[in-house]
Amino acid sequence: MAGLLAIAIKERRILVTNYYNRADHNGCNGASRSSWSCYFFVETSSDCRKRAFELMQSKASWAEGPVKIKENYTSKQIWLGSIPRMWGEPWKYLQPTTEINGILITNHRKMDRRWWIAQATRYLMRFPTEYMCGLLNVARHSAFGLEAAKLVLKSTQNDSPKVGTTTRTKSDIERLVWSNHRPYIPRPLLSMHVRMGDKACEMAVVGFEEYMKQAGNLRRRFPTLKNIWLSTEMQEAIDKTKLYPDWNFYFTNVARQGGNMTMALYEASLGRETSTNYPIVNFMMATEADFFVGALGSTWCYLIDGMRNTGGKVMSGYLSVNKDRFCRMYVPSENLRRHL
């Protein structure tokens, strides 16, 4: 979708999505069934969508070029095509904030593409729908609900109204300002996305211990850090959390991949609805964290890092246990060290 959005902007077109197979399940009802808008705000206005589908019924529109579809472009154009340049070259001015195996990355062969994917991902996922918010609320309640309830009870036990008094009305600042706060999350929170198993055919994989080693590096700098949102398909990673009693681990309650099961078989065992919903929930929860550990060789981690860079978390940094395909490993120069 990021590649198609880039093509649309470069050709002065409007991107309109149609069938999204991952949303073709009973959780997505009505017009949002089989649509990206089941999970996130539509990519363009309803008027633009209506006009686009009208034009698709016209043979002249196809012949004269106002309408193009994905099949009009090659995979190379979509996945590796040039990005929009109308905003200049902002990637040249980004401060390095990604560390791979202890080395701060100062050069990236595809900095422009990395910047663009971050912008496109943030745009396409800018507003979750009511359905998506409901999924997130369930996940938050399951992970943090009991803890939040205990905090509320503890904070109000000495402020309870006396018998016979009327209920206190909320002040204007409570109604108009503080009511807009986000749901409770234990902070500071570390996002950790662990990829193992059959992902080894695409990237170098490491054990859970290496991810926790990076978490330990973070805690040495930020000693109050003790909470981890763990997103992973691997049951092995969940089982190993018991070896780290000094950390609080939170994760979604779903069956996970075990043994030599392939990803395809694992997703099939969950069904389309669950195998779509829980990864997106994990992704959105990960983007709300304060610190980040993962494996940038994983597309999911790559996208989480993009959301970090566009969501006010740039200076949180990203610690990776491996590199992505476009990365060059350079040790920072003395000039850069002084700048940092």
C-alpha atoms as a PDB file:
ATOM      1  CA  MET A   1       0.000   0.000   0.000  1.00  0.00           C
ATOM      2  CA  ALA A   2       2.905   2.355   0.681  1.00  0.00           C
ATOM      3  CA  GLY A   3       4.215   1.695  -2.836  1.00  0.00           C
ATOM      4  CA  LEU A   4       0.819   2.301  -4.447  1.00  0.00           C
ATOM      5  CA  LEU A   5       0.365   5.486  -2.413  1.00  0.00           C
ATOM      6  CA  ALA A   6       3.757   6.690  -3.677  1.00  0.00           C
ATOM      7  CA  ILE A   7       2.744   6.003  -7.278  1.00  0.00           C
ATOM      8  CA  ALA A   8      -0.571   7.821  -6.791  1.00  0.00           C
ATOM      9  CA  ILE A   9       1.134  10.918  -5.390  1.00  0.00           C
ATOM     10  CA  LYS A  10       3.804  10.985  -8.116  1.00  0.00           C
ATOM     11  CA  GLU A  11       1.198  10.634 -10.885  1.00  0.00           C
ATOM     12  CA  ARG A  12      -1.167  13.111  -9.210  1.00  0.00           C
ATOM     13  CA  ARG A  13      -3.773  10.428  -8.670  1.00  0.00           C
ATOM     14  CA  ILE A  14      -5.901   9.454  -5.676  1.00  0.00           C
ATOM     15  CA  LEU A  15      -5.371   6.056  -4.079  1.00  0.00           C
ATOM     16  CA  VAL A  16      -8.637   4.160  -3.598  1.00  0.00           C
ATOM     17  CA  THR A  17      -8.544   0.714  -2.045  1.00  0.00           C
ATOM     18  CA  ASN A  18     -11.077  -1.956  -2.868  1.00  0.00           C
ATOM     19  CA  TYR A  19     -10.893  -5.589  -1.705  1.00  0.00           C
ATOM     20  CA  TYR A  20      -8.792  -6.289   1.399  1.00  0.00           C
ATOM     21  CA  ASN A  21      -8.813 -10.034   1.899  1.00  0.00           C
ATOM     22  CA  ARG A  22      -7.685  -9.842   5.534  1.00  0.00           C
ATOM     23  CA  ALA A  23     -10.908  -7.991   6.396  1.00  0.00           C
ATOM     24  CA  ASP A  24     -13.089 -10.603   4.696  1.00  0.00           C
ATOM     25  CA  HIS A  25     -14.457 -12.106   7.915  1.00  0.00           C
ATOM     26  CA  ASN A  26     -17.509 -11.841  10.173  1.00  0.00           C
ATOM     27  CA  GLY A  27     -15.919  -9.286  12.491  1.00  0.00           C
ATOM     28  CA  CYS A  28     -16.017  -6.684   9.734  1.00  0.00           C
ATOM     29  CA  ASN A  29     -19.667  -5.916   9.078  1.00  0.00           C
ATOM     30  CA  GLY A  30     -21.594  -3.964   6.476  1.00  0.00           C
ATOM     31  CA  ALA A  31     -19.701  -1.738   4.076  1.00  0.00           C
ATOM     32  CA  SER A  32     -16.446  -2.290   5.964  1.00  0.00           C
ATOM     33  CA  ARG A  33     -16.427  -5.999   5.146  1.00  0.00           C
ATOM     34  CA  SER A  34     -13.383  -6.842   3.009  1.00  0.00           C
ATOM     35  CA  SER A  35     -12.212  -3.242   3.336  1.00  0.00           C
ATOM     36  CA  TRP A  36      -9.238  -1.477   4.927  1.00  0.00           C
ATOM     37  CA  SER A  37     -11.820   0.805   6.546  1.00  0.00           C
ATOM     38  CA  CYS A  38     -12.785  -2.049   8.857  1.00  0.00           C
ATOM     39  CA  TYR A  39      -9.633  -1.296  10.837  1.00  0.00           C
ATOM     40  CA  PHE A  40      -8.598   2.241   9.931  1.00  0.00           C
ATOM     41  CA  PHE A  41     -10.035   5.443   8.539  1.00  0.00           C
ATOM     42  CA  VAL A  42     -10.487   5.291   4.770  1.00  0.00           C
ATOM     43  CA  GLU A  43      -7.535   6.433   2.691  1.00  0.00           C
ATOM     44  CA  THR A  44      -9.582   9.125   0.917  1.00  0.00           C
ATOM     45  CA  SER A  45     -12.976  10.805   1.127  1.00  0.00           C
ATOM     46  CA  SER A  46     -16.257   9.017   0.385  1.00  0.00           C
ATOM     47  CA  ASP A  47     -16.851  11.400  -2.552  1.00  0.00           C
ATOM     48  CA  CYS A  48     -13.524  10.425  -4.121  1.00  0.00           C
ATOM     49  CA  ARG A  49     -14.262   6.748  -3.634  1.00  0.00           C
ATOM     50  CA  LYS A  50     -17.716   7.100  -5.152  1.00  0.00           C
ATOM     51  CA  ARG A  51     -16.353   8.967  -8.182  1.00  0.00           C
ATOM     52  CA  ALA A  52     -13.558   6.419  -8.645  1.00  0.00           C
ATOM     53  CA  PHE A  53     -15.970   3.493  -8.753  1.00  0.00           C
ATOM     54  CA  GLU A  54     -18.180   5.408 -11.196  1.00  0.00           C
ATOM     55  CA  LEU A  55     -15.208   5.958 -13.496  1.00  0.00           C
ATOM     56  CA  MET A  56     -14.333   2.268 -13.331  1.00  0.00           C
ATOM     57  CA  GLN A  57     -17.644   1.541 -15.083  1.00  0.00           C
ATOM     58  CA  SER A  58     -16.658   3.743 -18.025  1.00  0.00           C
ATOM     59  CA  LYS A  59     -14.704   2.209 -20.904  1.00  0.00           C
ATOM     60  CA  ALA A  60     -13.443   5.664 -21.856  1.00  0.00           C
ATOM     61  CA  SER A  61     -11.845   6.076 -18.428  1.00  0.00           C
ATOM     62  CA  TRP A  62      -9.880   2.897 -18.909  1.00  0.00           C
ATOM     63  CA  ALA A  63      -8.867   3.781 -22.451  1.00  0.00           C
ATOM     64  CA  GLU A  64      -7.844   7.385 -21.728  1.00  0.00           C
ATOM     65  CA  GLY A  65      -6.006   6.629 -18.492  1.00  0.00           C
ATOM     66  CA  PRO A  66      -7.880   8.398 -15.669  1.00  0.00           C
ATOM     67  CA  VAL A  67      -8.295   5.006 -14.004  1.00  0.00           C
ATOM     68  CA  LYS A  68      -5.447   2.612 -13.295  1.00  0.00           C
ATOM     69  CA  ILE A  69      -5.317  -0.456 -11.097  1.00  0.00           C
ATOM     70  CA  LYS A  70      -2.506  -2.363  -9.403  1.00  0.00           C
ATOM     71  CA  GLU A  71      -2.083  -4.630 -12.420  1.00  0.00           C
ATOM     72  CA  ASN A  72      -1.038  -1.620 -14.519  1.00  0.00           C
ATOM     73  CA  TYR A  73       2.259  -1.592 -12.591  1.00  0.00           C
ATOM     74  CA  THR A  74       4.985  -4.169 -12.146  1.00  0.00           C
ATOM     75  CA  SER A  75       5.930  -5.575  -8.755  1.00  0.00           C
ATOM     76  CA  LYS A  76       9.240  -3.735  -9.045  1.00  0.00           C
ATOM     77  CA  GLN A  77       7.452  -0.413  -9.557  1.00  0.00           C
ATOM     78  CA  ILE A  78       5.248  -1.032  -6.530  1.00  0.00           C
ATOM     79  CA  TRP A  79       7.837  -2.418  -4.132  1.00  0.00           C
ATOM     80  CA  LEU A  80      11.020  -0.694  -5.299  1.00  0.00           C
ATOM     81  CA  GLY A  81       9.869   2.339  -7.253  1.00  0.00           C
ATOM     82  CA  SER A  82      11.022   5.870  -6.498  1.00  0.00           C
ATOM     83  CA  ILE A  83       9.313   7.761  -3.709  1.00  0.00           C
ATOM     84  CA  PRO A  84       7.598  11.185  -3.880  1.00  0.00           C
ATOM     85  CA  ARG A  85      10.135  14.043  -3.752  1.00  0.00           C
ATOM     86  CA  MET A  86       7.796  17.009  -3.417  1.00  0.00           C
ATOM     87  CA  TRP A  87       8.817  17.441   0.226  1.00  0.00           C
ATOM     88  CA  GLY A  88      12.511  17.620  -0.562  1.00  0.00           C
ATOM     89  CA  GLU A  89      14.934  15.174   1.063  1.00  0.00           C
ATOM     90  CA  PRO A  90      14.147  15.271   4.807  1.00  0.00           C
ATOM     91  CA  TRP A  91      15.788  11.873   5.414  1.00  0.00           C
ATOM     92  CA  LYS A  92      19.177  13.557   4.983  1.00  0.00           C
ATOM     93  CA  TYR A  93      18.624  15.533   8.175  1.00  0.00           C
ATOM     94  CA  LEU A  94      17.405  12.757  10.471  1.00  0.00           C
ATOM     95  CA  GLN A  95      19.446  12.144  13.599  1.00  0.00           C
ATOM     96  CA  PRO A  96      20.626   8.531  13.907  1.00  0.00           C
ATOM     97  CA  THR A  97      18.531   6.764  16.571  1.00  0.00           C
ATOM     98  CA  THR A  98      18.792   3.080  15.598  1.00  0.00           C
ATOM     99  CA  GLU A  99      21.298   0.727  17.212  1.00  0.00           C
ATOM    100  CA  ILE A 100      22.122  -2.718  15.881  1.00  0.00           C
ATOM    101  CA  ASN A 101      24.192  -4.991  18.093  1.00  0.00           C
ATOM    102  CA  GLY A 102      25.700  -2.025  19.910  1.00  0.00           C
ATOM    103  CA  ILE A 103      26.463   0.056  16.811  1.00  0.00           C
ATOM    104  CA  LEU A 104      24.578   3.280  16.105  1.00  0.00           C
ATOM    105  CA  ILE A 105      23.536   3.268  12.453  1.00  0.00           C
ATOM    106  CA  THR A 106      24.604   6.466  10.727  1.00  0.00           C
ATOM    107  CA  ASN A 107      24.150   5.393   7.107  1.00  0.00           C
ATOM    108  CA  HIS A 108      21.394   3.511   5.338  1.00  0.00           C
ATOM    109  CA  ARG A 109      21.379   2.615   1.630  1.00  0.00           C
ATOM    110  CA  LYS A 110      17.656   3.341   1.384  1.00  0.00           C
ATOM    111  CA  MET A 111      17.130   6.184   3.822  1.00  0.00           C
ATOM    112  CA  ASP A 112      14.624   7.747   1.428  1.00  0.00           C
ATOM    113  CA  ARG A 113      12.534   4.562   1.282  1.00  0.00           C
ATOM    114  CA  ARG A 114      12.755   4.097   5.032  1.00  0.00           C
ATOM    115  CA  TRP A 115      11.497   7.654   5.524  1.00  0.00           C
ATOM    116  CA  TRP A 116       8.675   7.227   3.015  1.00  0.00           C
ATOM    117  CA  ILE A 117       7.390   3.915   4.418  1.00  0.00           C
ATOM    118  CA  ALA A 118       7.239   5.551   7.849  1.00  0.00           C
ATOM    119  CA  GLN A 119       5.168   8.456   6.476  1.00  0.00           C
ATOM    120  CA  ALA A 120       2.858   6.209   4.453  1.00  0.00           C
ATOM    121  CA  THR A 121       2.285   3.791   7.336  1.00  0.00           C
ATOM    122  CA  ARG A 122       1.427   6.630   9.701  1.00  0.00           C
ATOM    123  CA  TYR A 123      -1.024   8.093   7.154  1.00  0.00           C
ATOM    124  CA  LEU A 124      -2.756   4.814   6.338  1.00  0.00           C
ATOM    125  CA  MET A 125      -3.095   3.896  10.043  1.00  0.00           C
ATOM    126  CA  ARG A 126      -3.734   7.409  11.342  1.00  0.00           C
ATOM    127  CA  PHE A 127      -7.216   6.835  12.802  1.00  0.00           C
ATOM    128  CA  PRO A 128      -8.383   3.418  14.075  1.00  0.00           C
ATOM    129  CA  THR A 129     -12.058   2.636  13.556  1.00  0.00           C
ATOM    130  CA  GLU A 130     -14.572   1.851  16.280  1.00  0.00           C
ATOM    131  CA  TYR A 131     -14.022  -1.842  15.574  1.00  0.00           C
ATOM    132  CA  MET A 132     -10.255  -1.461  15.920  1.00  0.00           C
ATOM    133  CA  CYS A 133     -10.640   0.584  19.114  1.00  0.00           C
ATOM    134  CA  GLY A 134     -12.847  -2.164  20.513  1.00  0.00           C
ATOM    135  CA  LEU A 135     -10.165  -4.774  19.830  1.00  0.00           C
ATOM    136  CA  LEU A 136      -7.550  -2.565  21.490  1.00  0.00           C
ATOM    137  CA  ASN A 137      -9.765  -2.001  24.524  1.00  0.00           C
ATOM    138  CA  VAL A 138     -10.210  -5.737  24.979  1.00  0.00           C
ATOM    139  CA  ALA A 139      -6.448  -6.258  24.780  1.00  0.00           C
ATOM    140  CA  ARG A 140      -5.733  -3.424  27.231  1.00  0.00           C
ATOM    141  CA  HIS A 141      -8.367  -4.646  29.660  1.00  0.00           C
ATOM    142  CA  SER A 142      -7.027  -8.189  29.535  1.00  0.00           C
ATOM    143  CA  ALA A 143      -3.410  -7.086  30.014  1.00  0.00           C
ATOM    144  CA  PHE A 144      -3.704  -4.047  32.283  1.00  0.00           C
ATOM    145  CA  GLY A 145      -7.281  -4.016  33.608  1.00  0.00           C
ATOM    146  CA  LEU A 146      -6.687  -5.603  37.000  1.00  0.00           C
ATOM    147  CA  GLU A 147      -3.623  -3.452  37.607  1.00  0.00           C
ATOM    148  CA  ALA A 148      -5.509  -0.282  36.649  1.00  0.00           C
ATOM    149  CA  ALA A 149      -8.437  -1.191  38.913  1.00  0.00           C
ATOM    150  CA  LYS A 150      -6.117  -1.682  41.887  1.00  0.00           C
ATOM    151  CA  LEU A 151      -4.549   1.735  41.276  1.00  0.00           C
ATOM    152  CA  VAL A 152      -7.954   3.406  41.113  1.00  0.00           C
ATOM    153  CA  LEU A 153      -9.131   1.765  44.330  1.00  0.00           C
ATOM    154  CA  LYS A 154      -5.919   2.650  46.104  1.00  0.00           C
ATOM    155  CA  SER A 155      -6.075   6.286  45.013  1.00  0.00           C
ATOM    156  CA  THR A 156      -9.728   6.752  46.024  1.00  0.00           C
ATOM    157  CA  GLN A 157      -9.939   4.792  49.261  1.00  0.00           C
ATOM    158  CA  ASN A 158      -9.221   7.910  51.327  1.00  0.00           C
ATOM    159  CA  ASP A 159     -11.326  10.213  49.163  1.00  0.00           C
ATOM    160  CA  SER A 160     -14.638   8.338  49.200  1.00  0.00           C
ATOM    161  CA  PRO A 161     -17.666  10.559  49.883  1.00  0.00           C
ATOM    162  CA  LYS A 162     -19.131  10.344  53.390  1.00  0.00           C
ATOM    163  CA  VAL A 163     -22.502   8.680  53.905  1.00  0.00           C
ATOM    164  CA  GLY A 164     -25.315  11.104  53.192  1.00  0.00           C
ATOM    165  CA  THR A 165     -23.320  13.443  50.962  1.00  0.00           C
ATOM    166  CA  THR A 166     -24.195  14.045  47.346  1.00  0.00           C
ATOM    167  CA  THR A 167     -22.019  12.831  44.512  1.00  0.00           C
ATOM    168  CA  ARG A 168     -19.416  15.398  43.523  1.00  0.00           C
ATOM    169  CA  THR A 169     -19.930  16.953  40.103  1.00  0.00           C
ATOM    170  CA  LYS A 170     -16.998  17.047  37.728  1.00  0.00           C
ATOM    171  CA  SER A 171     -15.200  20.340  37.219  1.00  0.00           C
ATOM    172  CA  ASP A 172     -14.834  21.910  33.783  1.00  0.00           C
ATOM    173  CA  ILE A 173     -11.195  20.861  33.495  1.00  0.00           C
ATOM    174  CA  GLU A 174     -12.152  17.258  34.287  1.00  0.00           C
ATOM    175  CA  ARG A 175     -14.898  17.239  31.652  1.00  0.00           C
ATOM    176  CA  LEU A 176     -13.201  19.253  28.927  1.00  0.00           C
ATOM    177  CA  VAL A 177      -9.493  18.545  29.348  1.00  0.00           C
ATOM    178  CA  TRP A 178      -8.659  15.511  31.451  1.00  0.00           C
ATOM    179  CA  SER A 179     -11.439  13.414  29.923  1.00  0.00           C
ATOM    180  CA  ASN A 180      -9.431  13.243  26.705  1.00  0.00           C
ATOM    181  CA  HIS A 181      -6.594  11.186  28.193  1.00  0.00           C
ATOM    182  CA  ARG A 182      -5.575   7.891  26.625  1.00  0.00           C
ATOM    183  CA  PRO A 183      -6.321   4.513  28.248  1.00  0.00           C
ATOM    184  CA  TYR A 184      -4.094   3.324  31.078  1.00  0.00           C
ATOM    185  CA  ILE A 185      -0.779   1.705  30.203  1.00  0.00           C
ATOM    186  CA  PRO A 186       1.917   0.872  32.795  1.00  0.00           C
ATOM    187  CA  ARG A 187       4.828   3.168  32.074  1.00  0.00           C
ATOM    188  CA  PRO A 188       7.560   3.232  31.123  1.00  0.00           C
ATOM    189  CA  LEU A 189       6.714   0.416  28.714  1.00  0.00           C
ATOM    190  CA  LEU A 190       9.105  -1.430  26.413  1.00  0.00           C
ATOM    191  CA  SER A 191       7.845  -2.829  23.110  1.00  0.00           C
ATOM    192  CA  MET A 192       9.567  -6.108  22.247  1.00  0.00           C
ATOM    193  CA  HIS A 193       8.707  -7.917  19.034  1.00  0.00           C
ATOM    194  CA  VAL A 194      10.367 -11.342  18.842  1.00  0.00           C
ATOM    195  CA  ARG A 195      10.729 -13.216  15.537  1.00  0.00           C
ATOM    196  CA  MET A 196      12.133 -16.731  15.404  1.00  0.00           C
ATOM    197  CA  GLY A 197      11.123 -20.023  13.856  1.00  0.00           C
ATOM    198  CA  ASP A 198      10.709 -20.199  10.074  1.00  0.00           C
ATOM    199  CA  LYS A 199      11.669 -16.516   9.788  1.00  0.00           C
ATOM    200  CA  ALA A 200      15.232 -17.895   9.662  1.00  0.00           C
ATOM    201  CA  CYS A 201      14.817 -18.370   5.904  1.00  0.00           C
ATOM    202  CA  GLU A 202      14.602 -14.566   5.507  1.00  0.00           C
ATOM    203  CA  MET A 203      16.903 -13.124   8.177  1.00  0.00           C
ATOM    204  CA  ALA A 204      19.372 -13.960  10.919  1.00  0.00           C
ATOM    205  CA  VAL A 205      17.406 -15.039  13.995  1.00  0.00           C
ATOM    206  CA  VAL A 206      18.560 -15.049  17.598  1.00  0.00           C
ATOM    207  CA  GLY A 207      17.215 -16.469  20.831  1.00  0.00           C
ATOM    208  CA  PHE A 208      14.972 -14.690  23.300  1.00  0.00           C
ATOM    209  CA  GLU A 209      18.007 -14.111  25.494  1.00  0.00           C
ATOM    210  CA  GLU A 210      19.460 -11.638  22.986  1.00  0.00           C
ATOM    211  CA  TYR A 211      16.284  -9.558  23.057  1.00  0.00           C
ATOM    212  CA  MET A 212      16.393  -9.503  26.846  1.00  0.00           C
ATOM    213  CA  LYS A 213      20.041  -8.500  26.716  1.00  0.00           C
ATOM    214  CA  GLN A 214      18.979  -5.386  24.801  1.00  0.00           C
ATOM    215  CA  ALA A 215      16.228  -4.784  27.369  1.00  0.00           C
ATOM    216  CA  GLY A 216      18.859  -4.978  30.089  1.00  0.00           C
ATOM    217  CA  ASN A 217      20.948  -2.367  28.274  1.00  0.00           C
ATOM    218  CA  LEU A 218      17.957  -0.057  28.286  1.00  0.00           C
ATOM    219  CA  ARG A 219      17.256  -0.595  31.969  1.00  0.00           C
ATOM    220  CA  ARG A 220      20.820   0.320  32.896  1.00  0.00           C
ATOM    221  CA  ARG A 221      20.122   3.734  31.400  1.00  0.00           C
ATOM    222  CA  PHE A 222      16.490   3.951  32.553  1.00  0.00           C
ATOM    223  CA  PRO A 223      16.329   2.072  35.894  1.00  0.00           C
ATOM    224  CA  THR A 224      12.541   2.501  36.310  1.00  0.00           C
ATOM    225  CA  LEU A 225      11.901   0.391  33.212  1.00  0.00           C
ATOM    226  CA  LYS A 226      10.336  -2.937  34.161  1.00  0.00           C
ATOM    227  CA  ASN A 227       7.283  -3.415  31.888  1.00  0.00           C
ATOM    228  CA  ILE A 228       7.443  -5.203  28.524  1.00  0.00           C
ATOM    229  CA  TRP A 229       4.730  -5.508  25.890  1.00  0.00           C
ATOM    230  CA  LEU A 230       5.779  -8.752  24.204  1.00  0.00           C
ATOM    231  CA  SER A 231       4.446  -9.408  20.714  1.00  0.00           C
ATOM    232  CA  THR A 232       5.438 -12.728  19.188  1.00  0.00           C
ATOM    233  CA  GLU A 233       4.009 -15.734  17.395  1.00  0.00           C
ATOM    234  CA  MET A 234       6.384 -18.085  19.219  1.00  0.00           C
ATOM    235  CA  GLN A 235       5.296 -20.007  22.313  1.00  0.00           C
ATOM    236  CA  GLU A 236       8.965 -20.516  23.118  1.00  0.00           C
ATOM    237  CA  ALA A 237       9.354 -16.781  23.763  1.00  0.00           C
ATOM    238  CA  ILE A 238       6.305 -16.723  26.041  1.00  0.00           C
ATOM    239  CA  ASP A 239       7.611 -19.699  28.019  1.00  0.00           C
ATOM    240  CA  LYS A 240      10.993 -18.065  28.557  1.00  0.00           C
ATOM    241  CA  THR A 241       9.482 -14.983  30.189  1.00  0.00           C
ATOM    242  CA  LYS A 242       9.322 -17.063  33.398  1.00  0.00           C
ATOM    243  CA  LEU A 243      13.121 -16.912  33.540  1.00  0.00           C
ATOM    244  CA  TYR A 244      12.994 -13.132  34.078  1.00  0.00           C
ATOM    245  CA  PRO A 245      11.033 -12.514  37.298  1.00  0.00           C
ATOM    246  CA  ASP A 246      12.325  -8.946  37.587  1.00  0.00           C
ATOM    247  CA  TRP A 247      10.320  -7.914  34.532  1.00  0.00           C
ATOM    248  CA  ASN A 248       6.560  -7.537  34.055  1.00  0.00           C
ATOM    249  CA  PHE A 249       5.505  -9.111  30.772  1.00  0.00           C
ATOM    250  CA  TYR A 250       2.213  -8.348  29.018  1.00  0.00           C
ATOM    251  CA  PHE A 251       0.936 -10.075  25.873  1.00  0.00           C
ATOM    252  CA  THR A 252      -2.257 -11.015  24.082  1.00  0.00           C
ATOM    253  CA  ASN A 253      -4.045 -14.213  25.031  1.00  0.00           C
ATOM    254  CA  VAL A 254      -3.904 -16.267  21.840  1.00  0.00           C
ATOM    255  CA  ALA A 255      -2.571 -19.663  20.755  1.00  0.00           C
ATOM    256  CA  ARG A 256       0.976 -19.389  19.474  1.00  0.00           C
ATOM    257  CA  GLN A 257       3.294 -21.139  17.072  1.00  0.00           C
ATOM    258  CA  GLY A 258       5.191 -24.102  18.475  1.00  0.00           C
ATOM    259  CA  GLY A 259       7.693 -26.670  17.294  1.00  0.00           C
ATOM    260  CA  ASN A 260       8.309 -26.758  13.556  1.00  0.00           C
ATOM    261  CA  MET A 261       4.900 -25.422  12.558  1.00  0.00           C
ATOM    262  CA  THR A 262       5.131 -23.087   9.566  1.00  0.00           C
ATOM    263  CA  MET A 263       3.594 -19.629   9.624  1.00  0.00           C
ATOM    264  CA  ALA A 264       1.078 -20.634   6.960  1.00  0.00           C
ATOM    265  CA  LEU A 265      -0.181 -23.576   9.026  1.00  0.00           C
ATOM    266  CA  TYR A 266      -0.213 -21.469  12.172  1.00  0.00           C
ATOM    267  CA  GLU A 267      -2.352 -18.733  10.613  1.00  0.00           C
ATOM    268  CA  ALA A 268      -4.683 -21.338   9.118  1.00  0.00           C
ATOM    269  CA  SER A 269      -5.158 -22.891  12.562  1.00  0.00           C
ATOM    270  CA  LEU A 270      -6.259 -19.520  13.972  1.00  0.00           C
ATOM    271  CA  GLY A 271      -8.637 -18.643  11.153  1.00  0.00           C
ATOM    272  CA  ARG A 272      -8.656 -15.413   9.169  1.00  0.00           C
ATOM    273  CA  GLU A 273     -10.344 -13.219  11.764  1.00  0.00           C
ATOM    274  CA  THR A 274      -8.047 -14.060  14.681  1.00  0.00           C
ATOM    275  CA  SER A 275      -4.890 -14.288  12.555  1.00  0.00           C
ATOM    276  CA  THR A 276      -5.604 -10.758  11.316  1.00  0.00           C
ATOM    277  CA  ASN A 277      -6.920  -9.081  14.445  1.00  0.00           C
ATOM    278  CA  TYR A 278      -4.338 -10.071  17.002  1.00  0.00           C
ATOM    279  CA  PRO A 279      -1.228  -9.061  14.965  1.00  0.00           C
ATOM    280  CA  ILE A 280      -2.758  -5.646  14.235  1.00  0.00           C
ATOM    281  CA  VAL A 281      -3.629  -5.230  17.925  1.00  0.00           C
ATOM    282  CA  ASN A 282      -0.074  -6.180  18.871  1.00  0.00           C
ATOM    283  CA  PHE A 283       1.265  -3.720  16.335  1.00  0.00           C
ATOM    284  CA  MET A 284      -0.835  -0.823  17.597  1.00  0.00           C
ATOM    285  CA  MET A 285      -0.027  -1.624  21.220  1.00  0.00           C
ATOM    286  CA  ALA A 286       3.669  -1.752  20.353  1.00  0.00           C
ATOM    287  CA  THR A 287       3.559   1.731  18.838  1.00  0.00           C
ATOM    288  CA  GLU A 288       2.257   3.150  22.138  1.00  0.00           C
ATOM    289  CA  ALA A 289       5.353   2.013  24.065  1.00  0.00           C
ATOM    290  CA  ASP A 290       8.131   4.270  25.355  1.00  0.00           C
ATOM    291  CA  PHE A 291      11.105   2.147  24.269  1.00  0.00           C
ATOM    292  CA  PHE A 292      11.645  -0.370  21.487  1.00  0.00           C
ATOM    293  CA  VAL A 293      13.535  -3.636  20.982  1.00  0.00           C
ATOM    294  CA  GLY A 294      13.121  -5.888  17.978  1.00  0.00           C
ATOM    295  CA  ALA A 295      14.646  -7.378  14.843  1.00  0.00           C
ATOM    296  CA  LEU A 296      14.695  -4.922  11.943  1.00  0.00           C
ATOM    297  CA  GLY A 297      15.117  -7.814   9.530  1.00  0.00           C
ATOM    298  CA  SER A 298      11.418  -8.390  10.243  1.00  0.00           C
ATOM    299  CA  THR A 299       8.996  -6.274   8.219  1.00  0.00           C
ATOM    300  CA  TRP A 300       6.769  -5.924  11.292  1.00  0.00           C
ATOM    301  CA  CYS A 301       9.635  -4.457  13.348  1.00  0.00           C
ATOM    302  CA  TYR A 302      10.560  -2.231  10.412  1.00  0.00           C
ATOM    303  CA  LEU A 303       7.023  -0.808  10.418  1.00  0.00           C
ATOM    304  CA  ILE A 304       6.976  -0.411  14.212  1.00  0.00           C
ATOM    305  CA  ASP A 305      10.185   1.583  13.893  1.00  0.00           C
ATOM    306  CA  GLY A 306       8.502   3.727  11.240  1.00  0.00           C
ATOM    307  CA  MET A 307       5.604   4.470  13.585  1.00  0.00           C
ATOM    308  CA  ARG A 308       8.125   5.326  16.293  1.00  0.00           C
ATOM    309  CA  ASN A 309       9.747   7.858  13.981  1.00  0.00           C
ATOM    310  CA  THR A 310       6.429   9.520  13.158  1.00  0.00           C
ATOM    311  CA  GLY A 311       4.759   9.299  16.558  1.00  0.00           C
ATOM    312  CA  GLY A 312       6.863  11.529  18.794  1.00  0.00           C
ATOM    313  CA  LYS A 313       9.157   8.687  19.897  1.00  0.00           C
ATOM    314  CA  VAL A 314      12.228   9.457  17.777  1.00  0.00           C
ATOM    315  CA  MET A 315      14.526  10.021  20.737  1.00  0.00           C
ATOM    316  CA  SER A 316      13.448   6.761  22.368  1.00  0.00           C
ATOM    317  CA  GLY A 317      15.680   5.011  19.871  1.00  0.00           C
ATOM    318  CA  TYR A 318      15.354   1.476  18.530  1.00  0.00           C
ATOM    319  CA  LEU A 319      17.567  -1.441  19.583  1.00  0.00           C
ATOM    320  CA  SER A 320      17.712  -4.259  17.047  1.00  0.00           C
ATOM    321  CA  VAL A 321      19.195  -7.733  17.289  1.00  0.00           C
ATOM    322  CA  ASN A 322      19.809  -7.853  13.530  1.00  0.00           C
ATOM    323  CA  LYS A 323      19.900  -5.553  10.506  1.00  0.00           C
ATOM    324  CA  ASP A 324      17.448  -4.950   7.712  1.00  0.00           C
ATOM    325  CA  ARG A 325      18.356  -5.636   4.097  1.00  0.00           C
ATOM    326  CA  PHE A 326      19.331  -2.036   3.288  1.00  0.00           C
ATOM    327  CA  CYS A 327      21.488  -1.362   6.323  1.00  0.00           C
ATOM    328  CA  ARG A 328      25.193  -0.548   6.295  1.00  0.00           C
ATOM    329  CA  MET A 329      27.105  -1.081   9.499  1.00  0.00           C
ATOM    330  CA  TYR A 330      29.289   1.952  10.189  1.00  0.00           C
ATOM    331  CA  VAL A 331      30.823   2.974  13.474  1.00  0.00           C
ATOM    332  CA  PRO A 332      30.037   6.675  14.185  1.00  0.00           C
ATOM    333  CA  SER A 333      32.850   9.079  13.411  1.00  0.00           C
ATOM    334  CA  GLU A 334      34.370  11.311  16.059  1.00  0.00           C
ATOM    335  CA  ASN A 335      32.515  14.307  14.581  1.00  0.00           C
ATOM    336  CA  LEU A 336      29.197  12.490  14.903  1.00  0.00           C
ATOM    337  CA  ARG A 337      30.033  11.358  18.424  1.00  0.00           C
ATOM    338  CA  ARG A 338      30.582  14.976  19.410  1.00  0.00           C
ATOM    339  CA  HIS A 339      27.326  15.989  17.679  1.00  0.00           C
ATOM    340  CA  LEU A 340      25.365  13.319  19.556  1.00  0.00           C
END
